[in-house]
Structure formats: structure tokens, C-alpha cells
PDB file of N, CA and C in Angstrom:
ATOM      1  N   MET A   1     160.586 118.452  71.622  1.00  0.00           N
ATOM      2  CA  MET A   1     159.136 119.532  72.372  1.00  0.00           C
ATOM      3  C   MET A   1     160.431 121.130  72.042  1.00  0.00           C
ATOM      4  N   ASP A   2     159.343 121.800  72.177  1.00  0.00           N
ATOM      5  CA  ASP A   2     159.645 122.923  72.564  1.00  0.00           C
ATOM      6  C   ASP A   2     159.899 124.164  74.032  1.00  0.00           C
ATOM      7  N   TRP A   3     160.568 123.212  74.864  1.00  0.00           N
ATOM      8  CA  TRP A   3     159.956 123.528  76.618  1.00  0.00           C
ATOM      9  C   TRP A   3     159.837 124.923  76.813  1.00  0.00           C
ATOM     10  N   LYS A   4     160.385 125.870  76.840  1.00  0.00           N
ATOM     11  CA  LYS A   4     161.038 127.348  76.091  1.00  0.00           C
ATOM     12  C   LYS A   4     158.893 127.883  75.581  1.00  0.00           C
ATOM     13  N   ARG A   5     158.633 127.291  75.048  1.00  0.00           N
ATOM     14  CA  ARG A   5     157.309 127.826  74.143  1.00  0.00           C
ATOM     15  C   ARG A   5     156.715 126.741  75.436  1.00  0.00           C
ATOM     16  N   LYS A   6     156.157 126.096  75.423  1.00  0.00           N
ATOM     17  CA  LYS A   6     155.143 124.798  76.798  1.00  0.00           C
ATOM     18  C   LYS A   6     155.369 126.087  78.302  1.00  0.00           C
ATOM     19  N   LEU A   7     157.082 126.351  78.079  1.00  0.00           N
ATOM     20  CA  LEU A   7     156.405 126.268  80.695  1.00  0.00           C
ATOM     21  C   LEU A   7     156.226 128.190  80.266  1.00  0.00           C
ATOM     22  N   SER A   8     156.797 128.539  79.007  1.00  0.00           N
ATOM     23  CA  SER A   8     154.984 130.340  78.840  1.00  0.00           C
ATOM     24  C   SER A   8     153.789 130.293  78.619  1.00  0.00           C
ATOM     25  N   SER A   9     153.268 129.049  78.166  1.00  0.00           N
ATOM     26  CA  SER A   9     151.731 128.821  78.650  1.00  0.00           C
ATOM     27  C   SER A   9     151.487 128.978  79.616  1.00  0.00           C
ATOM     28  N   ARG A  10     150.222 129.968  79.270  1.00  0.00           N
ATOM     29  CA  ARG A  10     149.440 129.778  80.798  1.00  0.00           C
ATOM     30  C   ARG A  10     148.365 128.306  80.570  1.00  0.00           C
ATOM     31  N   LYS A  11     148.213 128.307  79.174  1.00  0.00           N
ATOM     32  CA  LYS A  11     147.564 126.777  79.520  1.00  0.00           C
ATOM     33  C   LYS A  11     147.600 125.499  79.869  1.00  0.00           C
ATOM     34  N   MET A  12     149.105 125.939  80.244  1.00  0.00           N
ATOM     35  CA  MET A  12     149.737 124.844  80.889  1.00  0.00           C
ATOM     36  C   MET A  12     150.032 125.014  81.744  1.00  0.00           C
ATOM     37  N   TRP A  13     149.766 126.090  82.390  1.00  0.00           N
ATOM     38  CA  TRP A  13     150.690 126.438  84.425  1.00  0.00           C
ATOM     39  C   TRP A  13     149.031 126.078  84.519  1.00  0.00           C
ATOM     40  N   ALA A  14     147.436 126.267  84.127  1.00  0.00           N
ATOM     41  CA  ALA A  14     146.289 126.176  84.439  1.00  0.00           C
ATOM     42  C   ALA A  14     146.417 124.397  84.387  1.00  0.00           C
ATOM     43  N   ALA A  15     146.775 123.907  83.969  1.00  0.00           N
ATOM     44  CA  ALA A  15     146.695 122.656  83.540  1.00  0.00           C
ATOM     45  C   ALA A  15     147.238 121.967  84.542  1.00  0.00           C
ATOM     46  N   ILE A  16     148.190 122.126  84.739  1.00  0.00           N
ATOM     47  CA  ILE A  16     149.282 121.780  85.989  1.00  0.00           C
ATOM     48  C   ILE A  16     148.453 122.244  86.802  1.00  0.00           C
ATOM     49  N   ILE A  17     148.720 123.487  87.430  1.00  0.00           N
ATOM     50  CA  ILE A  17     147.440 123.555  88.597  1.00  0.00           C
ATOM     51  C   ILE A  17     146.001 122.593  89.042  1.00  0.00           C
ATOM     52  N   GLY A  18     145.502 122.398  88.022  1.00  0.00           N
ATOM     53  CA  GLY A  18     144.487 121.407  88.078  1.00  0.00           C
ATOM     54  C   GLY A  18     144.605 120.385  88.326  1.00  0.00           C
ATOM     55  N   VAL A  19     146.031 119.088  87.598  1.00  0.00           N
ATOM     56  CA  VAL A  19     146.109 118.152  88.703  1.00  0.00           C
ATOM     57  C   VAL A  19     146.540 118.071  89.420  1.00  0.00           C
ATOM     58  N   ILE A  20     147.236 119.742  89.449  1.00  0.00           N
ATOM     59  CA  ILE A  20     147.989 119.162  91.585  1.00  0.00           C
ATOM     60  C   ILE A  20     146.466 119.295  91.974  1.00  0.00           C
ATOM     61  N   LEU A  21     145.872 120.521  92.380  1.00  0.00           N
ATOM     62  CA  LEU A  21     144.655 120.839  92.632  1.00  0.00           C
ATOM     63  C   LEU A  21     143.640 119.007  92.946  1.00  0.00           C
ATOM     64  N   SER A  22     143.388 118.794  92.345  1.00  0.00           N
ATOM     65  CA  SER A  22     142.481 117.107  91.785  1.00  0.00           C
ATOM     66  C   SER A  22     143.389 116.520  92.547  1.00  0.00           C
ATOM     67  N   ILE A  23     144.772 116.491  92.550  1.00  0.00           N
ATOM     68  CA  ILE A  23     144.837 115.155  93.718  1.00  0.00           C
ATOM     69  C   ILE A  23     145.144 115.407  94.823  1.00  0.00           C
ATOM     70  N   MET A  24     145.413 117.406  95.240  1.00  0.00           N
ATOM     71  CA  MET A  24     144.519 117.193  96.652  1.00  0.00           C
ATOM     72  C   MET A  24     143.535 116.956  97.037  1.00  0.00           C
ATOM     73  N   VAL A  25     142.279 117.137  96.203  1.00  0.00           N
ATOM     74  CA  VAL A  25     141.592 117.299  96.827  1.00  0.00           C
ATOM     75  C   VAL A  25     140.981 115.726  97.085  1.00  0.00           C
ATOM     76  N   MET A  26     141.705 114.345  96.390  1.00  0.00           N
ATOM     77  CA  MET A  26     141.469 113.288  96.618  1.00  0.00           C
ATOM     78  C   MET A  26     142.400 113.072  97.558  1.00  0.00           C
ATOM     79  N   PHE A  27     142.826 113.355  97.922  1.00  0.00           N
ATOM     80  CA  PHE A  27     143.273 113.034  99.730  1.00  0.00           C
ATOM     81  C   PHE A  27     143.438 113.996 100.949  1.00  0.00           C
ATOM     82  N   GLY A  28     142.683 114.626 100.310  1.00  0.00           N
ATOM     83  CA  GLY A  28     141.478 115.829 101.274  1.00  0.00           C
ATOM     84  C   GLY A  28     142.534 116.517 102.073  1.00  0.00           C
ATOM     85  N   ALA A  29     143.327 117.805 101.511  1.00  0.00           N
ATOM     86  CA  ALA A  29     143.702 118.736 101.571  1.00  0.00           C
ATOM     87  C   ALA A  29     142.855 119.728 101.752  1.00  0.00           C
ATOM     88  N   SER A  30     143.254 120.144 103.284  1.00  0.00           N
ATOM     89  CA  SER A  30     141.711 122.042 102.708  1.00  0.00           C
ATOM     90  C   SER A  30     142.302 122.923 102.064  1.00  0.00           C
ATOM     91  N   ASP A  31     141.108 123.767 102.477  1.00  0.00           N
ATOM     92  CA  ASP A  31     140.640 124.399 101.371  1.00  0.00           C
ATOM     93  C   ASP A  31     142.305 125.517 101.534  1.00  0.00           C
ATOM     94  N   ASP A  32     142.966 126.132 102.830  1.00  0.00           N
ATOM     95  CA  ASP A  32     143.607 126.814 103.043  1.00  0.00           C
ATOM     96  C   ASP A  32     145.205 125.921 102.490  1.00  0.00           C
ATOM     97  N   ASP A  33     145.456 124.234 102.322  1.00  0.00           N
ATOM     98  CA  ASP A  33     146.891 123.990 102.135  1.00  0.00           C
ATOM     99  C   ASP A  33     146.282 123.933 100.602  1.00  0.00           C
ATOM    100  N   LYS A  34     145.428 124.519  99.786  1.00  0.00           N
ATOM    101  CA  LYS A  34     144.739 123.733  98.028  1.00  0.00           C
ATOM    102  C   LYS A  34     144.702 125.772  97.651  1.00  0.00           C
ATOM    103  N   ASN A  35     144.802 126.624  98.682  1.00  0.00           N
ATOM    104  CA  ASN A  35     145.077 128.195  98.076  1.00  0.00           C
ATOM    105  C   ASN A  35     146.193 128.358  98.557  1.00  0.00           C
ATOM    106  N   LYS A  36     147.592 128.221  99.317  1.00  0.00           N
ATOM    107  CA  LYS A  36     148.619 128.017  99.091  1.00  0.00           C
ATOM    108  C   LYS A  36     149.779 127.273  97.778  1.00  0.00           C
ATOM    109  N   VAL A  37     149.335 126.041  97.554  1.00  0.00           N
ATOM    110  CA  VAL A  37     149.397 124.873  96.313  1.00  0.00           C
ATOM    111  C   VAL A  37     149.050 126.465  94.760  1.00  0.00           C
ATOM    112  N   THR A  38     148.270 126.530  95.041  1.00  0.00           N
ATOM    113  CA  THR A  38     147.936 127.304  93.673  1.00  0.00           C
ATOM    114  C   THR A  38     148.536 128.403  93.449  1.00  0.00           C
ATOM    115  N   GLY A  39     148.511 129.435  95.214  1.00  0.00           N
ATOM    116  CA  GLY A  39     148.834 130.977  94.793  1.00  0.00           C
ATOM    117  C   GLY A  39     150.530 130.222  94.313  1.00  0.00           C
ATOM    118  N   LEU A  40     151.504 129.704  94.972  1.00  0.00           N
ATOM    119  CA  LEU A  40     152.457 129.358  94.634  1.00  0.00           C
ATOM    120  C   LEU A  40     153.196 129.031  93.576  1.00  0.00           C
ATOM    121  N   ILE A  41     152.314 127.844  92.807  1.00  0.00           N
ATOM    122  CA  ILE A  41     152.628 127.913  91.318  1.00  0.00           C
ATOM    123  C   ILE A  41     152.218 128.908  90.721  1.00  0.00           C
ATOM    124  N   THR A  42     151.258 129.696  91.029  1.00  0.00           N
ATOM    125  CA  THR A  42     151.047 131.130  90.232  1.00  0.00           C
ATOM    126  C   THR A  42     152.675 131.704  90.145  1.00  0.00           C
ATOM    127  N   ALA A  43     152.636 132.227  91.312  1.00  0.00           N
ATOM    128  CA  ALA A  43     154.262 133.441  92.013  1.00  0.00           C
ATOM    129  C   ALA A  43     154.981 132.322  90.465  1.00  0.00           C
ATOM    130  N   CYS A  44     155.370 130.455  91.351  1.00  0.00           N
ATOM    131  CA  CYS A  44     156.078 130.596  90.211  1.00  0.00           C
ATOM    132  C   CYS A  44     156.521 130.436  88.424  1.00  0.00           C
ATOM    133  N   SER A  45     155.242 130.316  87.966  1.00  0.00           N
ATOM    134  CA  SER A  45     155.212 129.847  87.039  1.00  0.00           C
ATOM    135  C   SER A  45     155.583 131.677  86.052  1.00  0.00           C
ATOM    136  N   THR A  46     155.201 132.611  87.046  1.00  0.00           N
ATOM    137  CA  THR A  46     154.996 133.718  86.315  1.00  0.00           C
ATOM    138  C   THR A  46     156.886 134.686  86.353  1.00  0.00           C
ATOM    139  N   LEU A  47     157.524 134.443  87.195  1.00  0.00           N
ATOM    140  CA  LEU A  47     158.480 133.963  87.287  1.00  0.00           C
ATOM    141  C   LEU A  47     159.293 133.542  85.867  1.00  0.00           C
ATOM    142  N   VAL A  48     159.076 132.079  86.482  1.00  0.00           N
ATOM    143  CA  VAL A  48     159.376 131.014  84.714  1.00  0.00           C
ATOM    144  C   VAL A  48     159.524 132.653  83.599  1.00  0.00           C
ATOM    145  N   ILE A  49     157.833 132.750  83.588  1.00  0.00           N
ATOM    146  CA  ILE A  49     156.928 133.301  82.077  1.00  0.00           C
ATOM    147  C   ILE A  49     158.130 134.638  81.910  1.00  0.00           C
ATOM    148  N   TYR A  50     158.699 135.432  82.863  1.00  0.00           N
ATOM    149  CA  TYR A  50     159.200 136.186  83.056  1.00  0.00           C
ATOM    150  C   TYR A  50     161.136 136.123  81.959  1.00  0.00           C
ATOM    151  N   ILE A  51     161.313 135.538  82.975  1.00  0.00           N
ATOM    152  CA  ILE A  51     162.935 135.110  83.088  1.00  0.00           C
ATOM    153  C   ILE A  51     163.510 134.640  81.168  1.00  0.00           C
ATOM    154  N   LEU A  52     161.772 134.169  80.502  1.00  0.00           N
ATOM    155  CA  LEU A  52     162.205 133.625  79.160  1.00  0.00           C
ATOM    156  C   LEU A  52     162.088 134.965  78.908  1.00  0.00           C
ATOM    157  N   SER A  53     160.859 135.628  78.630  1.00  0.00           N
ATOM    158  CA  SER A  53     160.612 136.674  77.886  1.00  0.00           C
ATOM    159  C   SER A  53     161.067 138.139  78.068  1.00  0.00           C
ATOM    160  N   GLU A  54     162.691 137.753  78.976  1.00  0.00           N
ATOM    161  CA  GLU A  54     163.719 138.537  79.297  1.00  0.00           C
ATOM    162  C   GLU A  54     164.766 138.298  78.432  1.00  0.00           C
ATOM    163  N   GLY A  55     165.082 136.800  78.390  1.00  0.00           N
ATOM    164  CA  GLY A  55     165.944 136.074  77.437  1.00  0.00           C
ATOM    165  C   GLY A  55     165.613 136.037  75.897  1.00  0.00           C
ATOM    166  N   SER A  56     164.346 136.323  75.545  1.00  0.00           N
ATOM    167  CA  SER A  56     163.832 136.442  73.939  1.00  0.00           C
ATOM    168  C   SER A  56     164.510 137.843  73.793  1.00  0.00           C
ATOM    169  N   VAL A  57     164.342 138.727  74.529  1.00  0.00           N
ATOM    170  CA  VAL A  57     164.512 139.979  74.520  1.00  0.00           C
ATOM    171  C   VAL A  57     165.378 140.175  74.551  1.00  0.00           C
ATOM    172  N   ASP A  58     166.683 139.798  75.046  1.00  0.00           N
ATOM    173  CA  ASP A  58     167.589 140.109  74.781  1.00  0.00           C
ATOM    174  C   ASP A  58     169.214 139.338  73.979  1.00  0.00           C
ATOM    175  N   SER A  59     167.974 137.947  73.268  1.00  0.00           N
ATOM    176  CA  SER A  59     168.923 137.540  72.423  1.00  0.00           C
ATOM    177  C   SER A  59     168.205 138.291  70.602  1.00  0.00           C
ATOM    178  N   ALA A  60     167.312 139.179  70.950  1.00  0.00           N
ATOM    179  CA  ALA A  60     166.547 139.772  69.987  1.00  0.00           C
ATOM    180  C   ALA A  60     167.802 141.154  69.107  1.00  0.00           C
ATOM    181  N   GLY A  61     168.032 141.445  70.708  1.00  0.00           N
ATOM    182  CA  GLY A  61     168.951 142.742  71.370  1.00  0.00           C
ATOM    183  C   GLY A  61     170.171 141.870  70.648  1.00  0.00           C
ATOM    184  N   ALA A  62     170.290 141.683  71.053  1.00  0.00           N
ATOM    185  CA  ALA A  62     172.121 141.305  71.040  1.00  0.00           C
ATOM    186  C   ALA A  62     172.049 140.952  69.442  1.00  0.00           C
ATOM    187  N   LYS A  63     171.169 139.923  67.993  1.00  0.00           N
ATOM    188  CA  LYS A  63     171.426 139.550  67.048  1.00  0.00           C
ATOM    189  C   LYS A  63     171.433 141.206  66.258  1.00  0.00           C
ATOM    190  N   GLU A  64     170.446 142.505  66.766  1.00  0.00           N
ATOM    191  CA  GLU A  64     170.282 143.737  66.171  1.00  0.00           C
ATOM    192  C   GLU A  64     172.195 144.116  65.917  1.00  0.00           C
ATOM    193  N   THR A  65     172.071 144.431  67.638  1.00  0.00           N
ATOM    194  CA  THR A  65     173.207 144.734  67.553  1.00  0.00           C
ATOM    195  C   THR A  65     174.676 144.432  66.960  1.00  0.00           C
ATOM    196  N   LYS A  66     174.710 142.917  66.081  1.00  0.00           N
ATOM    197  CA  LYS A  66     175.861 142.208  66.068  1.00  0.00           C
ATOM    198  C   LYS A  66     175.411 142.824  64.191  1.00  0.00           C
ATOM    199  N   GLU A  67     174.375 142.588  64.036  1.00  0.00           N
ATOM    200  CA  GLU A  67     173.902 143.168  61.915  1.00  0.00           C
ATOM    201  C   GLU A  67     174.710 144.324  62.149  1.00  0.00           C
ATOM    202  N   LYS A  68     174.137 144.910  63.259  1.00  0.00           N
ATOM    203  CA  LYS A  68     174.546 146.612  62.893  1.00  0.00           C
ATOM    204  C   LYS A  68     175.792 146.445  62.641  1.00  0.00           C
ATOM    205  N   ALA A  69     176.771 146.053  64.210  1.00  0.00           N
ATOM    206  CA  ALA A  69     178.818 146.304  63.742  1.00  0.00           C
ATOM    207  C   ALA A  69     179.176 145.657  62.488  1.00  0.00           C
ATOM    208  N   GLU A  70     177.820 144.950  61.650  1.00  0.00           N
ATOM    209  CA  GLU A  70     178.488 143.787  61.067  1.00  0.00           C
ATOM    210  C   GLU A  70     178.805 145.326  59.746  1.00  0.00           C
ATOM    211  N   VAL A  71     177.722 145.629  59.376  1.00  0.00           N
ATOM    212  CA  VAL A  71     177.110 146.635  58.443  1.00  0.00           C
ATOM    213  C   VAL A  71     177.619 148.071  58.448  1.00  0.00           C
ATOM    214  N   THR A  72     178.275 147.967  59.816  1.00  0.00           N
ATOM    215  CA  THR A  72     179.650 149.481  60.522  1.00  0.00           C
ATOM    216  C   THR A  72     180.528 149.067  59.331  1.00  0.00           C
ATOM    217  N   GLU A  73     181.258 147.440  59.596  1.00  0.00           N
ATOM    218  CA  GLU A  73     182.588 147.536  59.566  1.00  0.00           C
ATOM    219  C   GLU A  73     183.172 146.800  58.135  1.00  0.00           C
ATOM    220  N   ASP A  74     181.034 146.556  57.836  1.00  0.00           N
ATOM    221  CA  ASP A  74     181.534 146.931  55.925  1.00  0.00           C
ATOM    222  C   ASP A  74     181.866 148.274  55.490  1.00  0.00           C
ATOM    223  N   GLU A  75     181.189 149.315  56.469  1.00  0.00           N
ATOM    224  CA  GLU A  75     180.763 150.995  55.390  1.00  0.00           C
ATOM    225  C   GLU A  75     182.841 151.566  55.612  1.00  0.00           C
ATOM    226  N   ILE A  76     183.213 150.365  57.044  1.00  0.00           N
ATOM    227  CA  ILE A  76     184.635 151.345  57.013  1.00  0.00           C
ATOM    228  C   ILE A  76     185.495 150.084  55.708  1.00  0.00           C
ATOM    229  N   GLU A  77     185.363 149.318  55.502  1.00  0.00           N
ATOM    230  CA  GLU A  77     186.394 148.783  54.433  1.00  0.00           C
ATOM    231  C   GLU A  77     186.363 149.404  53.270  1.00  0.00           C
ATOM    232  N   LYS A  78     185.145 149.502  52.700  1.00  0.00           N
ATOM    233  CA  LYS A  78     184.804 150.605  51.360  1.00  0.00           C
ATOM    234  C   LYS A  78     185.713 152.171  52.161  1.00  0.00           C
TER     235      LYS A  78
END
């Protein structure tokens, strides 16, 4: 399973919120508590998505830098 893709999916986070809120309703949680939990999950998911996105951007940049360095080495050897 591709966890990186799953963790960056808004649909997955919406499903998690839905399940948790349903459980909270079943146990009679107050609206205030449900709002706090929803806010917490939303904030955490935003952070996770940001971290994964930055990692992808950094990885792509490192790959591009490596390819440019290899081209430069080839030119030097000629």
C-alpha cells in the first residue's frame, strides 16, 4: 500500500473524521468536543500533507541537481 499517497488524500482524512465523529455521536459527545476533534484532525492532516509535499519537491530537486552534475562531469571529461 502506498501510505504516502494515502496520507496526502483529502478523501481519506474526510473518512477518518467521519468515522471518529460517528463514534463520538454514538457515545454522546458534546458538539463542542466534536468541533475540537474535527479541528485537531484537520490541522494534523494539513501538516502531514505539507510535509509529504515538501519531501516530494525536495526529492525532485535533488534528482535534477544530480542529473545536471552528471552532465557537467561528462563535459569535463571531453
